[in-house]
Structure formats: structure tokens, C-alpha cells
Amino acid sequence: MRHRRRGVILLAMGSMKARVAERGQVTIPKRLRERLGMKPGTLLEFSEERGRLVAVKSDVDDPVSRAIGSLGKGIDTDAVMAELRGRR
């Protein structure tokens, strides 16, 4: 049994299809994103295994990515940079 929603065909057995756009983009169905905990900014690693495309959530383990957002909201970037550089 097939259901069509916004160009994506959802099969009753749980598999999902999406069309590759002209620029190589593919939309991951919302149910799948939610089930896998994928949010905007989630980094994926792609590989090919026996003719299949495999996407795996990537662990972000570089110092810059770990530091992003660590200052919190409401912090003035210019004030932080002035403090780091010293007052002139």
C-alpha cells in the first residue's frame, strides 16, 4: 500500500522514498528525522556500501564545534573580543 505526500512515497512496510533534486539535494522525511533525533545542523557522514547510500550521524569532536554556543545567549561578541584583545 502506498501513500503520496508532497512528492515522497511512503510504503506501508516502513521504507520511504525521496527524489534527488537537480542540485543533488534530498529531503529526509520528517518521521525519520524525528525517529533518529536529527535536528537542523546535524552533521551526516555519507558512504557507499554494496551499492547503497549510507548516511550516519557524525560525532562532532573538533574543538571549534565543541566551543560553539558555550558563551551562552545574550553575550556581546564585540565585548568578548575587546576583553580578549585588551582595551586600546
N, C-alpha and C. Protein backbone atom coordinates (compact mmCIF):
# COMPACT_ATOMS: atom_id res chain seq x y z
N MET A 1 0.84 -1.17 0.00
CA MET A 1 0.00 0.00 0.00
C MET A 1 0.89 1.23 0.00
N ARG A 2 0.58 2.20 -0.88
CA ARG A 2 1.39 3.41 -0.99
C ARG A 2 0.59 4.64 -0.61
N HIS A 3 1.25 5.60 -0.01
CA HIS A 3 0.66 6.89 0.31
C HIS A 3 1.58 7.95 -0.27
N ARG A 4 1.01 8.96 -0.92
CA ARG A 4 1.83 10.01 -1.52
C ARG A 4 1.65 11.29 -0.71
N ARG A 5 2.76 11.86 -0.27
CA ARG A 5 2.75 13.11 0.47
C ARG A 5 3.86 14.01 -0.04
N ARG A 6 3.52 15.13 -0.63
CA ARG A 6 4.48 16.14 -1.09
C ARG A 6 5.63 15.52 -1.88
N GLY A 7 5.33 14.64 -2.80
CA GLY A 7 6.36 14.08 -3.67
C GLY A 7 7.12 12.92 -3.07
N VAL A 8 6.84 12.55 -1.82
CA VAL A 8 7.52 11.42 -1.18
C VAL A 8 6.53 10.27 -1.10
N ILE A 9 6.94 9.10 -1.50
CA ILE A 9 6.07 7.93 -1.42
C ILE A 9 6.43 7.16 -0.15
N LEU A 10 5.44 6.97 0.71
CA LEU A 10 5.66 6.22 1.94
C LEU A 10 5.03 4.84 1.76
N LEU A 11 5.80 3.81 1.91
CA LEU A 11 5.29 2.45 1.77
C LEU A 11 4.86 1.94 3.14
N ALA A 12 3.80 1.15 3.16
CA ALA A 12 3.25 0.65 4.42
C ALA A 12 4.28 -0.14 5.22
N MET A 13 5.24 -0.77 4.54
CA MET A 13 6.23 -1.57 5.25
C MET A 13 7.28 -0.72 5.95
N GLY A 14 7.21 0.61 5.82
CA GLY A 14 8.12 1.48 6.54
C GLY A 14 9.24 2.07 5.71
N SER A 15 9.46 1.60 4.49
CA SER A 15 10.51 2.22 3.69
C SER A 15 9.97 3.54 3.13
N MET A 16 10.86 4.45 2.84
CA MET A 16 10.47 5.77 2.36
C MET A 16 11.31 6.11 1.15
N LYS A 17 10.74 6.84 0.23
CA LYS A 17 11.47 7.26 -0.96
C LYS A 17 11.45 8.78 -1.07
N ALA A 18 12.49 9.32 -1.64
CA ALA A 18 12.56 10.75 -1.91
C ALA A 18 13.32 10.93 -3.22
N ARG A 19 12.96 11.94 -3.97
CA ARG A 19 13.59 12.20 -5.25
C ARG A 19 14.80 13.12 -5.07
N VAL A 20 15.88 12.84 -5.77
CA VAL A 20 17.07 13.68 -5.75
C VAL A 20 16.79 14.91 -6.62
N ALA A 21 16.95 16.08 -6.05
CA ALA A 21 16.71 17.33 -6.78
C ALA A 21 17.85 17.62 -7.74
N GLU A 22 17.66 18.61 -8.57
CA GLU A 22 18.64 18.96 -9.60
C GLU A 22 20.02 19.23 -9.02
N ARG A 23 20.08 19.84 -7.85
CA ARG A 23 21.37 20.18 -7.25
C ARG A 23 21.88 19.07 -6.31
N GLY A 24 21.27 17.89 -6.38
CA GLY A 24 21.74 16.76 -5.58
C GLY A 24 21.17 16.72 -4.18
N GLN A 25 20.18 17.55 -3.90
CA GLN A 25 19.61 17.60 -2.56
C GLN A 25 18.48 16.58 -2.41
N VAL A 26 18.37 16.04 -1.19
CA VAL A 26 17.31 15.09 -0.86
C VAL A 26 16.73 15.50 0.49
N THR A 27 15.41 15.50 0.59
CA THR A 27 14.77 15.80 1.87
C THR A 27 14.57 14.50 2.63
N ILE A 28 15.06 14.46 3.85
CA ILE A 28 14.86 13.29 4.69
C ILE A 28 13.47 13.43 5.31
N PRO A 29 12.61 12.42 5.14
CA PRO A 29 11.25 12.52 5.66
C PRO A 29 11.22 12.86 7.16
N LYS A 30 10.25 13.71 7.54
CA LYS A 30 10.15 14.20 8.91
C LYS A 30 10.07 13.07 9.94
N ARG A 31 9.26 12.04 9.67
CA ARG A 31 9.15 10.93 10.63
C ARG A 31 10.50 10.29 10.90
N LEU A 32 11.30 10.14 9.86
CA LEU A 32 12.62 9.53 10.00
C LEU A 32 13.55 10.46 10.77
N ARG A 33 13.52 11.77 10.43
CA ARG A 33 14.36 12.74 11.17
C ARG A 33 14.02 12.73 12.65
N GLU A 34 12.72 12.71 12.96
CA GLU A 34 12.31 12.71 14.36
C GLU A 34 12.73 11.42 15.06
N ARG A 35 12.53 10.28 14.40
CA ARG A 35 12.88 8.99 14.99
C ARG A 35 14.38 8.91 15.28
N LEU A 36 15.20 9.52 14.42
CA LEU A 36 16.66 9.44 14.57
C LEU A 36 17.25 10.64 15.32
N GLY A 37 16.40 11.56 15.76
CA GLY A 37 16.88 12.72 16.51
C GLY A 37 17.71 13.69 15.67
N MET A 38 17.36 13.82 14.40
CA MET A 38 18.10 14.72 13.51
C MET A 38 17.47 16.10 13.57
N LYS A 39 18.27 17.09 13.93
CA LYS A 39 17.82 18.48 14.03
C LYS A 39 18.60 19.32 13.04
N PRO A 40 18.14 20.54 12.76
CA PRO A 40 18.93 21.41 11.88
C PRO A 40 20.36 21.53 12.41
N GLY A 41 21.30 21.39 11.52
CA GLY A 41 22.71 21.46 11.90
C GLY A 41 23.33 20.09 12.17
N THR A 42 22.52 19.04 12.19
CA THR A 42 23.06 17.69 12.39
C THR A 42 24.02 17.37 11.25
N LEU A 43 25.20 16.92 11.59
CA LEU A 43 26.21 16.59 10.60
C LEU A 43 26.10 15.12 10.25
N LEU A 44 26.05 14.82 8.94
CA LEU A 44 25.95 13.45 8.47
C LEU A 44 27.20 13.07 7.70
N GLU A 45 27.62 11.83 7.83
CA GLU A 45 28.71 11.27 7.03
C GLU A 45 28.08 10.29 6.05
N PHE A 46 28.46 10.40 4.77
CA PHE A 46 27.91 9.55 3.73
C PHE A 46 28.96 8.55 3.26
N SER A 47 28.50 7.34 2.98
CA SER A 47 29.37 6.33 2.41
C SER A 47 28.54 5.44 1.50
N GLU A 48 29.22 4.61 0.74
CA GLU A 48 28.56 3.68 -0.16
C GLU A 48 28.93 2.28 0.30
N GLU A 49 27.93 1.45 0.47
CA GLU A 49 28.16 0.06 0.87
C GLU A 49 27.32 -0.85 0.00
N ARG A 50 27.98 -1.66 -0.82
CA ARG A 50 27.32 -2.62 -1.71
C ARG A 50 26.21 -1.98 -2.53
N GLY A 51 26.50 -0.81 -3.10
CA GLY A 51 25.55 -0.14 -3.96
C GLY A 51 24.47 0.65 -3.23
N ARG A 52 24.59 0.79 -1.93
CA ARG A 52 23.61 1.55 -1.15
C ARG A 52 24.27 2.79 -0.56
N LEU A 53 23.52 3.86 -0.52
CA LEU A 53 23.97 5.09 0.13
C LEU A 53 23.67 4.97 1.61
N VAL A 54 24.68 5.18 2.43
CA VAL A 54 24.53 5.09 3.88
C VAL A 54 24.87 6.45 4.49
N ALA A 55 23.97 6.97 5.29
CA ALA A 55 24.19 8.24 6.00
C ALA A 55 24.18 7.95 7.49
N VAL A 56 25.21 8.42 8.19
CA VAL A 56 25.35 8.18 9.63
C VAL A 56 25.57 9.52 10.30
N LYS A 57 24.87 9.74 11.43
CA LYS A 57 25.11 10.97 12.19
C LYS A 57 26.56 10.97 12.64
N SER A 58 27.24 12.08 12.41
CA SER A 58 28.65 12.18 12.72
C SER A 58 28.83 12.78 14.11
N ASP A 59 29.77 12.24 14.86
CA ASP A 59 30.13 12.83 16.14
C ASP A 59 30.99 14.05 15.86
N VAL A 60 30.59 15.17 16.41
CA VAL A 60 31.36 16.40 16.24
C VAL A 60 32.38 16.42 17.36
N ASP A 61 33.65 16.22 17.01
CA ASP A 61 34.66 16.13 18.05
C ASP A 61 35.85 17.04 17.76
N ASP A 62 35.58 18.20 17.16
CA ASP A 62 36.68 19.14 16.98
C ASP A 62 36.49 20.29 17.97
N PRO A 63 37.57 20.93 18.41
CA PRO A 63 37.49 21.94 19.46
C PRO A 63 36.58 23.12 19.11
N VAL A 64 36.57 23.53 17.87
CA VAL A 64 35.75 24.68 17.47
C VAL A 64 34.27 24.33 17.61
N SER A 65 33.87 23.17 17.12
CA SER A 65 32.46 22.76 17.21
C SER A 65 32.02 22.58 18.66
N ARG A 66 32.89 22.08 19.51
CA ARG A 66 32.54 21.93 20.92
C ARG A 66 32.36 23.27 21.59
N ALA A 67 33.09 24.30 21.16
CA ALA A 67 33.03 25.61 21.78
C ALA A 67 31.85 26.45 21.32
N ILE A 68 31.29 26.12 20.16
CA ILE A 68 30.18 26.92 19.63
C ILE A 68 29.03 26.90 20.62
N GLY A 69 28.57 28.07 20.97
CA GLY A 69 27.45 28.19 21.89
C GLY A 69 27.83 28.13 23.35
N SER A 70 29.09 27.97 23.68
CA SER A 70 29.47 27.81 25.08
C SER A 70 29.39 29.11 25.87
N LEU A 71 29.39 30.27 25.20
CA LEU A 71 29.29 31.54 25.90
C LEU A 71 27.86 31.83 26.34
N GLY A 72 26.91 31.18 25.74
CA GLY A 72 25.51 31.41 26.09
C GLY A 72 24.93 32.53 25.26
N LYS A 73 23.64 32.68 25.38
CA LYS A 73 22.94 33.72 24.63
C LYS A 73 23.03 35.04 25.36
N GLY A 74 22.95 36.12 24.63
CA GLY A 74 22.96 37.44 25.23
C GLY A 74 24.36 37.98 25.48
N ILE A 75 25.38 37.25 25.10
CA ILE A 75 26.75 37.72 25.27
C ILE A 75 27.12 38.55 24.03
N ASP A 76 27.66 39.73 24.26
CA ASP A 76 28.06 40.61 23.17
C ASP A 76 29.43 40.17 22.65
N THR A 77 29.47 39.71 21.41
CA THR A 77 30.71 39.22 20.81
C THR A 77 31.79 40.30 20.79
N ASP A 78 31.41 41.52 20.47
CA ASP A 78 32.38 42.63 20.43
C ASP A 78 33.01 42.86 21.81
N ALA A 79 32.20 42.74 22.87
CA ALA A 79 32.73 42.92 24.23
C ALA A 79 33.71 41.81 24.58
N VAL A 80 33.38 40.58 24.20
CA VAL A 80 34.27 39.45 24.47
C VAL A 80 35.59 39.63 23.73
N MET A 81 35.52 40.02 22.46
CA MET A 81 36.74 40.22 21.66
C MET A 81 37.58 41.36 22.22
N ALA A 82 36.94 42.44 22.66
CA ALA A 82 37.68 43.56 23.26
C ALA A 82 38.38 43.11 24.54
N GLU A 83 37.72 42.28 25.32
CA GLU A 83 38.32 41.77 26.56
C GLU A 83 39.51 40.88 26.23
N LEU A 84 39.37 40.02 25.24
CA LEU A 84 40.47 39.14 24.86
C LEU A 84 41.67 39.91 24.31
N ARG A 85 41.41 40.93 23.52
CA ARG A 85 42.48 41.70 22.89
C ARG A 85 43.06 42.79 23.81
N GLY A 86 42.32 43.11 24.84
CA GLY A 86 42.75 44.18 25.72
C GLY A 86 42.20 45.51 25.23
N ARG A 87 41.93 46.37 26.17
CA ARG A 87 41.39 47.68 25.83
C ARG A 87 42.45 48.51 25.15
N ARG A 88 42.07 49.27 24.16
CA ARG A 88 43.04 50.11 23.46
C ARG A 88 42.81 51.56 23.74
